[in-house]
Amino acid sequence: MKTVFSITGVFMLLFALSCVKEEVPLNETSSEGEIILGYDYPIKPGTTEWEKLVNAQEKINVCQIPPSMLSTLTTEELVNTCLRYPPLNNIYAFNNILTGTERLVQEFNGIRELFNRADAYPEMLKVYSRKIDNSSALQEQGASLKKGNYIISLSSIEMILSQIELRTQPDIETQKKVMNELLRGYKLKLNNSEEFKGVGFTTNLLARAAIVLGKDHAVFSSKEGGWPGGLDPALTAPIDEKSYQFIR
């Protein structure tokens, strides 16, 4: 597997990934300040038990949600559970981020359950909006763990949003709400372009492309391409134009 990122993007990504084994992801907090627990993974990165797992497949296996619990989680809890999935960052380990995301869907029962929830889009969007509104981590000097985790988390949410769009049938009003927030995220990334160059812009473009180009576009059928995600850089301007037209 080979990943193609900009120099800054590689540095920030590798820095965060190298540190993530030392940090247990925190639970999300709702807009009302309530802690959203979700499923508590029994074996977490940074623990002795996690270090004893000999390969990636064993780590994936121990992170599956028991089938008896899947249906008992609220969608809000399920969103938080999916974003705390320990191998989530594996989507960036592929030359094509769409391939990495498809592998996530194949390997994790929690994300498959999320795609079956009618309110998956609005619940994931709530978390994305809170991330945009609370971007203070980007102001930290240098390559801090907090900044690296924020960058990767925001982009991972965008990839999940793109998959919800491609795999469900949202109504136009929901799509417009999502597009408005994605454009807010795009503005945030433009204002912090050094931190997000490369994969950070790719994930936002793909999430918007899912809405304005549709799942049958070649962008989503191609599994090759030197640019992460298989997205031709020449499509950036057309996607931007269609995105702003979409919300008018």
C-alpha atoms as a PDB file:
ATOM      1  CA  MET A   1       0.000   0.000   0.000  1.00  0.00           C
ATOM      2  CA  LYS A   2       1.275   3.470  -0.854  1.00  0.00           C
ATOM      3  CA  THR A   3      -0.132   6.815   0.218  1.00  0.00           C
ATOM      4  CA  VAL A   4       0.392  10.067  -1.679  1.00  0.00           C
ATOM      5  CA  PHE A   5       0.135  13.203   0.452  1.00  0.00           C
ATOM      6  CA  SER A   6       1.772  16.599   0.564  1.00  0.00           C
ATOM      7  CA  ILE A   7       4.841  16.966   2.805  1.00  0.00           C
ATOM      8  CA  THR A   8       2.893  18.793   5.514  1.00  0.00           C
ATOM      9  CA  GLY A   9       0.006  16.364   5.288  1.00  0.00           C
ATOM     10  CA  VAL A  10       2.348  13.391   5.642  1.00  0.00           C
ATOM     11  CA  PHE A  11       4.071  14.913   8.646  1.00  0.00           C
ATOM     12  CA  MET A  12       0.882  15.732  10.515  1.00  0.00           C
ATOM     13  CA  LEU A  13      -0.729  12.404   9.649  1.00  0.00           C
ATOM     14  CA  LEU A  14       2.242  10.282  10.661  1.00  0.00           C
ATOM     15  CA  PHE A  15       2.748  12.307  13.818  1.00  0.00           C
ATOM     16  CA  ALA A  16      -0.841  11.757  14.919  1.00  0.00           C
ATOM     17  CA  LEU A  17      -0.835   8.086  13.965  1.00  0.00           C
ATOM     18  CA  SER A  18       2.412   7.478  15.827  1.00  0.00           C
ATOM     19  CA  CYS A  19       0.893   8.937  18.980  1.00  0.00           C
ATOM     20  CA  VAL A  20      -2.606   7.529  18.781  1.00  0.00           C
ATOM     21  CA  LYS A  21      -1.599   4.246  20.440  1.00  0.00           C
ATOM     22  CA  GLU A  22      -0.865   6.249  23.588  1.00  0.00           C
ATOM     23  CA  GLU A  23      -4.234   7.951  23.691  1.00  0.00           C
ATOM     24  CA  VAL A  24      -7.685   6.545  24.380  1.00  0.00           C
ATOM     25  CA  PRO A  25     -10.145   8.601  22.301  1.00  0.00           C
ATOM     26  CA  LEU A  26     -12.515  10.716  24.341  1.00  0.00           C
ATOM     27  CA  ASN A  27     -16.279  10.438  24.156  1.00  0.00           C
ATOM     28  CA  GLU A  28     -18.187  13.073  22.221  1.00  0.00           C
ATOM     29  CA  THR A  29     -20.082  15.764  24.085  1.00  0.00           C
ATOM     30  CA  SER A  30     -23.463  16.937  22.852  1.00  0.00           C
ATOM     31  CA  SER A  31     -24.334  20.594  22.301  1.00  0.00           C
ATOM     32  CA  GLU A  32     -26.013  20.497  25.718  1.00  0.00           C
ATOM     33  CA  GLY A  33     -22.782  19.309  27.350  1.00  0.00           C
ATOM     34  CA  GLU A  34     -24.010  15.747  27.879  1.00  0.00           C
ATOM     35  CA  ILE A  35     -21.417  12.980  27.515  1.00  0.00           C
ATOM     36  CA  ILE A  36     -22.346  10.496  24.779  1.00  0.00           C
ATOM     37  CA  LEU A  37     -20.939   7.138  25.800  1.00  0.00           C
ATOM     38  CA  GLY A  38     -21.801   4.581  23.141  1.00  0.00           C
ATOM     39  CA  TYR A  39     -19.983   1.241  23.113  1.00  0.00           C
ATOM     40  CA  ASP A  40     -16.942   0.886  25.347  1.00  0.00           C
ATOM     41  CA  TYR A  41     -14.305  -1.027  23.398  1.00  0.00           C
ATOM     42  CA  PRO A  42     -12.945  -3.682  25.807  1.00  0.00           C
ATOM     43  CA  ILE A  43      -9.381  -3.483  24.449  1.00  0.00           C
ATOM     44  CA  LYS A  44      -8.015  -0.040  23.637  1.00  0.00           C
ATOM     45  CA  PRO A  45      -4.821   1.370  22.087  1.00  0.00           C
ATOM     46  CA  GLY A  46      -2.207   2.080  24.714  1.00  0.00           C
ATOM     47  CA  THR A  47      -3.097  -0.925  26.871  1.00  0.00           C
ATOM     48  CA  THR A  48      -1.042  -4.063  27.432  1.00  0.00           C
ATOM     49  CA  GLU A  49      -3.821  -6.163  25.928  1.00  0.00           C
ATOM     50  CA  TRP A  50      -3.736  -4.097  22.723  1.00  0.00           C
ATOM     51  CA  GLU A  51       0.027  -4.504  22.415  1.00  0.00           C
ATOM     52  CA  LYS A  52      -0.374  -8.274  22.645  1.00  0.00           C
ATOM     53  CA  LEU A  53      -2.479  -8.348  19.472  1.00  0.00           C
ATOM     54  CA  VAL A  54      -0.087  -9.599  16.817  1.00  0.00           C
ATOM     55  CA  ASN A  55      -1.612  -8.171  13.626  1.00  0.00           C
ATOM     56  CA  ALA A  56      -4.184  -5.776  12.183  1.00  0.00           C
ATOM     57  CA  GLN A  57      -6.826  -8.469  11.764  1.00  0.00           C
ATOM     58  CA  GLU A  58      -6.761  -9.342  15.454  1.00  0.00           C
ATOM     59  CA  LYS A  59      -7.234  -5.658  16.298  1.00  0.00           C
ATOM     60  CA  ILE A  60     -10.176  -5.448  13.910  1.00  0.00           C
ATOM     61  CA  ASN A  61     -11.719  -8.592  15.390  1.00  0.00           C
ATOM     62  CA  VAL A  62     -11.633  -7.387  18.991  1.00  0.00           C
ATOM     63  CA  CYS A  63     -13.190  -4.040  17.996  1.00  0.00           C
ATOM     64  CA  GLN A  64     -16.405  -5.499  16.584  1.00  0.00           C
ATOM     65  CA  ILE A  65     -19.540  -4.489  18.460  1.00  0.00           C
ATOM     66  CA  PRO A  66     -21.460  -7.484  19.871  1.00  0.00           C
ATOM     67  CA  PRO A  67     -24.532  -8.023  17.624  1.00  0.00           C
ATOM     68  CA  SER A  68     -26.793  -7.978  20.676  1.00  0.00           C
ATOM     69  CA  MET A  69     -25.668  -4.417  21.418  1.00  0.00           C
ATOM     70  CA  LEU A  70     -25.819  -2.920  17.924  1.00  0.00           C
ATOM     71  CA  SER A  71     -29.569  -2.381  17.909  1.00  0.00           C
ATOM     72  CA  THR A  72     -29.601  -1.017  21.463  1.00  0.00           C
ATOM     73  CA  LEU A  73     -27.291   1.917  20.700  1.00  0.00           C
ATOM     74  CA  THR A  74     -28.954   5.184  19.797  1.00  0.00           C
ATOM     75  CA  THR A  75     -27.728   6.684  16.533  1.00  0.00           C
ATOM     76  CA  GLU A  76     -25.998   9.413  18.522  1.00  0.00           C
ATOM     77  CA  GLU A  77     -24.162   6.761  20.545  1.00  0.00           C
ATOM     78  CA  LEU A  78     -23.381   4.791  17.390  1.00  0.00           C
ATOM     79  CA  VAL A  79     -21.835   7.848  15.715  1.00  0.00           C
ATOM     80  CA  ASN A  80     -19.579   8.367  18.723  1.00  0.00           C
ATOM     81  CA  THR A  81     -18.709   4.675  18.768  1.00  0.00           C
ATOM     82  CA  CYS A  82     -17.758   4.719  15.091  1.00  0.00           C
ATOM     83  CA  LEU A  83     -15.567   7.795  15.509  1.00  0.00           C
ATOM     84  CA  ARG A  84     -13.767   6.082  18.427  1.00  0.00           C
ATOM     85  CA  TYR A  85     -13.214   2.864  16.435  1.00  0.00           C
ATOM     86  CA  PRO A  86      -9.496   2.221  17.106  1.00  0.00           C
ATOM     87  CA  PRO A  87      -8.546   1.148  13.530  1.00  0.00           C
ATOM     88  CA  LEU A  88     -10.443   4.064  11.941  1.00  0.00           C
ATOM     89  CA  ASN A  89      -7.248   5.751  10.779  1.00  0.00           C
ATOM     90  CA  ASN A  90      -6.473   2.727   8.609  1.00  0.00           C
ATOM     91  CA  ILE A  91      -8.471   4.412   5.836  1.00  0.00           C
ATOM     92  CA  TYR A  92      -5.416   6.603   5.237  1.00  0.00           C
ATOM     93  CA  ALA A  93      -3.107   3.617   4.719  1.00  0.00           C
ATOM     94  CA  PHE A  94      -4.183   3.113   1.107  1.00  0.00           C
ATOM     95  CA  ASN A  95      -3.095   4.849  -2.077  1.00  0.00           C
ATOM     96  CA  ASN A  96      -6.771   5.609  -2.672  1.00  0.00           C
ATOM     97  CA  ILE A  97      -8.742   6.839   0.330  1.00  0.00           C
ATOM     98  CA  LEU A  98     -11.965   5.504  -1.206  1.00  0.00           C
ATOM     99  CA  THR A  99     -10.429   2.038  -1.099  1.00  0.00           C
ATOM    100  CA  GLY A 100      -9.534   2.573   2.539  1.00  0.00           C
ATOM    101  CA  THR A 101     -13.065   3.696   3.360  1.00  0.00           C
ATOM    102  CA  GLU A 102     -14.564   0.726   1.528  1.00  0.00           C
ATOM    103  CA  ARG A 103     -12.330  -1.566   3.576  1.00  0.00           C
ATOM    104  CA  LEU A 104     -13.615   0.114   6.751  1.00  0.00           C
ATOM    105  CA  VAL A 105     -17.184  -0.683   5.712  1.00  0.00           C
ATOM    106  CA  GLN A 106     -16.276  -4.299   5.003  1.00  0.00           C
ATOM    107  CA  GLU A 107     -14.438  -4.785   8.280  1.00  0.00           C
ATOM    108  CA  PHE A 108     -16.481  -2.893  10.898  1.00  0.00           C
ATOM    109  CA  ASN A 109     -20.032  -3.875  11.788  1.00  0.00           C
ATOM    110  CA  GLY A 110     -20.616  -0.585  13.588  1.00  0.00           C
ATOM    111  CA  ILE A 111     -20.266   1.532  10.446  1.00  0.00           C
ATOM    112  CA  ARG A 112     -22.534  -0.839   8.512  1.00  0.00           C
ATOM    113  CA  GLU A 113     -25.171  -0.479  11.220  1.00  0.00           C
ATOM    114  CA  LEU A 114     -24.826   3.302  11.063  1.00  0.00           C
ATOM    115  CA  PHE A 115     -25.570   3.314   7.334  1.00  0.00           C
ATOM    116  CA  ASN A 116     -28.841   1.518   8.095  1.00  0.00           C
ATOM    117  CA  ARG A 117     -30.018   4.269  10.446  1.00  0.00           C
ATOM    118  CA  ALA A 118     -32.424   6.805   8.935  1.00  0.00           C
ATOM    119  CA  ASP A 119     -30.948   9.592  11.089  1.00  0.00           C
ATOM    120  CA  ALA A 120     -27.282   8.773  10.421  1.00  0.00           C
ATOM    121  CA  TYR A 121     -26.726  11.873   8.282  1.00  0.00           C
ATOM    122  CA  PRO A 122     -28.078  14.499  10.719  1.00  0.00           C
ATOM    123  CA  GLU A 123     -26.425  12.849  13.726  1.00  0.00           C
ATOM    124  CA  MET A 124     -23.010  12.681  12.056  1.00  0.00           C
ATOM    125  CA  LEU A 125     -23.490  16.246  10.858  1.00  0.00           C
ATOM    126  CA  LYS A 126     -24.018  17.444  14.440  1.00  0.00           C
ATOM    127  CA  VAL A 127     -20.589  16.136  15.389  1.00  0.00           C
ATOM    128  CA  TYR A 128     -19.011  17.684  12.288  1.00  0.00           C
ATOM    129  CA  SER A 129     -20.568  21.074  13.063  1.00  0.00           C
ATOM    130  CA  ARG A 130     -19.275  20.967  16.641  1.00  0.00           C
ATOM    131  CA  LYS A 131     -15.800  20.161  15.328  1.00  0.00           C
ATOM    132  CA  ILE A 132     -15.875  23.209  13.067  1.00  0.00           C
ATOM    133  CA  ASP A 133     -17.154  25.421  15.874  1.00  0.00           C
ATOM    134  CA  ASN A 134     -14.421  24.202  18.228  1.00  0.00           C
ATOM    135  CA  SER A 135     -11.256  24.411  16.149  1.00  0.00           C
ATOM    136  CA  SER A 136      -8.930  25.870  18.787  1.00  0.00           C
ATOM    137  CA  ALA A 137      -6.577  22.885  18.368  1.00  0.00           C
ATOM    138  CA  LEU A 138      -5.473  24.364  15.048  1.00  0.00           C
ATOM    139  CA  GLN A 139      -3.994  27.349  16.870  1.00  0.00           C
ATOM    140  CA  GLU A 140      -1.509  25.233  18.791  1.00  0.00           C
ATOM    141  CA  GLN A 141       2.086  25.847  17.816  1.00  0.00           C
ATOM    142  CA  GLY A 142       3.984  23.145  15.958  1.00  0.00           C
ATOM    143  CA  ALA A 143       2.902  19.554  15.416  1.00  0.00           C
ATOM    144  CA  SER A 144       0.986  18.818  18.606  1.00  0.00           C
ATOM    145  CA  LEU A 145      -0.945  15.615  19.221  1.00  0.00           C
ATOM    146  CA  LYS A 146      -4.143  17.590  19.777  1.00  0.00           C
ATOM    147  CA  LYS A 147      -3.779  19.362  16.443  1.00  0.00           C
ATOM    148  CA  GLY A 148      -2.947  16.154  14.592  1.00  0.00           C
ATOM    149  CA  ASN A 149      -5.954  14.332  16.041  1.00  0.00           C
ATOM    150  CA  TYR A 150      -8.237  17.242  15.146  1.00  0.00           C
ATOM    151  CA  ILE A 151      -7.041  17.291  11.525  1.00  0.00           C
ATOM    152  CA  ILE A 152      -7.518  13.547  11.082  1.00  0.00           C
ATOM    153  CA  SER A 153     -10.852  13.483  12.918  1.00  0.00           C
ATOM    154  CA  LEU A 154     -12.384  16.252  10.793  1.00  0.00           C
ATOM    155  CA  SER A 155     -11.325  14.530   7.575  1.00  0.00           C
ATOM    156  CA  SER A 156     -12.534  11.112   8.772  1.00  0.00           C
ATOM    157  CA  ILE A 157     -15.976  12.551   9.489  1.00  0.00           C
ATOM    158  CA  GLU A 158     -16.060  13.981   5.965  1.00  0.00           C
ATOM    159  CA  MET A 159     -15.312  10.565   4.507  1.00  0.00           C
ATOM    160  CA  ILE A 160     -18.101   8.999   6.557  1.00  0.00           C
ATOM    161  CA  LEU A 161     -20.479  11.769   5.469  1.00  0.00           C
ATOM    162  CA  SER A 162     -19.607  11.016   1.842  1.00  0.00           C
ATOM    163  CA  GLN A 163     -20.425   7.346   2.357  1.00  0.00           C
ATOM    164  CA  ILE A 164     -23.756   8.113   4.023  1.00  0.00           C
ATOM    165  CA  GLU A 165     -24.629  10.240   0.996  1.00  0.00           C
ATOM    166  CA  LEU A 166     -23.606   7.509  -1.447  1.00  0.00           C
ATOM    167  CA  ARG A 167     -25.305   4.655   0.397  1.00  0.00           C
ATOM    168  CA  THR A 168     -28.603   6.237   1.435  1.00  0.00           C
ATOM    169  CA  GLN A 169     -31.279   8.397  -0.152  1.00  0.00           C
ATOM    170  CA  PRO A 170     -31.325  11.687   1.764  1.00  0.00           C
ATOM    171  CA  ASP A 171     -33.871  14.350   0.900  1.00  0.00           C
ATOM    172  CA  ILE A 172     -32.815  17.616  -0.721  1.00  0.00           C
ATOM    173  CA  GLU A 173     -33.186  19.680   2.449  1.00  0.00           C
ATOM    174  CA  THR A 174     -30.878  17.359   4.359  1.00  0.00           C
ATOM    175  CA  GLN A 175     -28.375  17.495   1.519  1.00  0.00           C
ATOM    176  CA  LYS A 176     -28.409  21.287   1.599  1.00  0.00           C
ATOM    177  CA  LYS A 177     -27.767  21.323   5.348  1.00  0.00           C
ATOM    178  CA  VAL A 178     -24.849  18.949   4.873  1.00  0.00           C
ATOM    179  CA  MET A 179     -23.483  21.010   1.987  1.00  0.00           C
ATOM    180  CA  ASN A 180     -23.644  24.220   4.005  1.00  0.00           C
ATOM    181  CA  GLU A 181     -21.617  22.614   6.784  1.00  0.00           C
ATOM    182  CA  LEU A 182     -19.138  21.062   4.350  1.00  0.00           C
ATOM    183  CA  LEU A 183     -18.565  24.506   2.851  1.00  0.00           C
ATOM    184  CA  ARG A 184     -17.970  25.849   6.354  1.00  0.00           C
ATOM    185  CA  GLY A 185     -15.448  23.079   6.839  1.00  0.00           C
ATOM    186  CA  TYR A 186     -13.895  23.930   3.474  1.00  0.00           C
ATOM    187  CA  LYS A 187     -13.495  27.573   4.530  1.00  0.00           C
ATOM    188  CA  LEU A 188     -11.877  26.448   7.787  1.00  0.00           C
ATOM    189  CA  LYS A 189      -9.434  24.309   5.834  1.00  0.00           C
ATOM    190  CA  LEU A 190      -8.665  27.110   3.382  1.00  0.00           C
ATOM    191  CA  ASN A 191      -7.888  29.377   6.337  1.00  0.00           C
ATOM    192  CA  ASN A 192      -5.546  26.696   7.692  1.00  0.00           C
ATOM    193  CA  SER A 193      -4.257  25.395   4.386  1.00  0.00           C
ATOM    194  CA  GLU A 194      -0.811  24.400   5.642  1.00  0.00           C
ATOM    195  CA  GLU A 195      -2.361  21.951   8.097  1.00  0.00           C
ATOM    196  CA  PHE A 196      -4.911  20.506   5.686  1.00  0.00           C
ATOM    197  CA  LYS A 197      -3.138  20.461   2.324  1.00  0.00           C
ATOM    198  CA  GLY A 198      -3.316  17.122   0.527  1.00  0.00           C
ATOM    199  CA  VAL A 199      -5.672  14.585   2.095  1.00  0.00           C
ATOM    200  CA  GLY A 200      -7.504  17.227   4.154  1.00  0.00           C
ATOM    201  CA  PHE A 201      -8.873  18.922   1.052  1.00  0.00           C
ATOM    202  CA  THR A 202      -9.479  15.615  -0.709  1.00  0.00           C
ATOM    203  CA  THR A 203     -11.931  14.382   1.935  1.00  0.00           C
ATOM    204  CA  ASN A 204     -13.934  17.617   1.847  1.00  0.00           C
ATOM    205  CA  LEU A 205     -14.082  17.595  -1.950  1.00  0.00           C
ATOM    206  CA  LEU A 206     -15.182  13.962  -2.008  1.00  0.00           C
ATOM    207  CA  ALA A 207     -17.960  14.623   0.514  1.00  0.00           C
ATOM    208  CA  ARG A 208     -19.261  17.494  -1.610  1.00  0.00           C
ATOM    209  CA  ALA A 209     -18.761  15.548  -4.841  1.00  0.00           C
ATOM    210  CA  ALA A 210     -20.971  12.785  -3.463  1.00  0.00           C
ATOM    211  CA  ILE A 211     -23.819  15.310  -3.334  1.00  0.00           C
ATOM    212  CA  VAL A 212     -23.285  17.277  -6.547  1.00  0.00           C
ATOM    213  CA  LEU A 213     -21.826  14.573  -8.812  1.00  0.00           C
ATOM    214  CA  GLY A 214     -23.593  11.459  -7.494  1.00  0.00           C
ATOM    215  CA  LYS A 215     -22.480   7.902  -6.872  1.00  0.00           C
ATOM    216  CA  ASP A 216     -22.386   7.003 -10.573  1.00  0.00           C
ATOM    217  CA  HIS A 217     -19.681   9.550 -11.367  1.00  0.00           C
ATOM    218  CA  ALA A 218     -16.295   8.166 -12.360  1.00  0.00           C
ATOM    219  CA  VAL A 219     -14.777   9.722  -9.231  1.00  0.00           C
ATOM    220  CA  PHE A 220     -16.463   7.036  -7.145  1.00  0.00           C
ATOM    221  CA  SER A 221     -16.081   4.122  -9.529  1.00  0.00           C
ATOM    222  CA  SER A 222     -12.349   4.564 -10.093  1.00  0.00           C
ATOM    223  CA  LYS A 223     -10.067   2.678  -7.726  1.00  0.00           C
ATOM    224  CA  GLU A 224      -6.841   4.004  -9.188  1.00  0.00           C
ATOM    225  CA  GLY A 225      -5.197   7.395  -9.486  1.00  0.00           C
ATOM    226  CA  GLY A 226      -2.145   9.150  -8.123  1.00  0.00           C
ATOM    227  CA  TRP A 227      -4.170  11.700  -6.164  1.00  0.00           C
ATOM    228  CA  PRO A 228      -5.538  10.422  -2.835  1.00  0.00           C
ATOM    229  CA  GLY A 229      -9.122   9.348  -3.419  1.00  0.00           C
ATOM    230  CA  GLY A 230      -8.676   9.040  -7.173  1.00  0.00           C
ATOM    231  CA  LEU A 231     -10.048  12.574  -7.547  1.00  0.00           C
ATOM    232  CA  ASP A 232      -8.666  14.471 -10.539  1.00  0.00           C
ATOM    233  CA  PRO A 233      -7.362  17.884  -9.352  1.00  0.00           C
ATOM    234  CA  ALA A 234      -9.026  19.393 -12.429  1.00  0.00           C
ATOM    235  CA  LEU A 235     -12.381  18.635 -10.798  1.00  0.00           C
ATOM    236  CA  THR A 236     -11.757  20.955  -7.850  1.00  0.00           C
ATOM    237  CA  ALA A 237     -13.118  24.100  -9.527  1.00  0.00           C
ATOM    238  CA  PRO A 238     -16.235  22.382 -10.989  1.00  0.00           C
ATOM    239  CA  ILE A 239     -17.032  20.804  -7.605  1.00  0.00           C
ATOM    240  CA  ASP A 240     -16.656  24.172  -5.889  1.00  0.00           C
ATOM    241  CA  GLU A 241     -18.935  25.827  -8.453  1.00  0.00           C
ATOM    242  CA  LYS A 242     -21.596  23.117  -8.218  1.00  0.00           C
ATOM    243  CA  SER A 243     -21.418  23.173  -4.423  1.00  0.00           C
ATOM    244  CA  TYR A 244     -22.257  26.864  -4.150  1.00  0.00           C
ATOM    245  CA  GLN A 245     -24.936  26.563  -6.821  1.00  0.00           C
ATOM    246  CA  PHE A 246     -26.501  23.708  -4.885  1.00  0.00           C
ATOM    247  CA  ILE A 247     -27.260  25.780  -1.798  1.00  0.00           C
ATOM    248  CA  ARG A 248     -28.693  28.787  -3.618  1.00  0.00           C
END
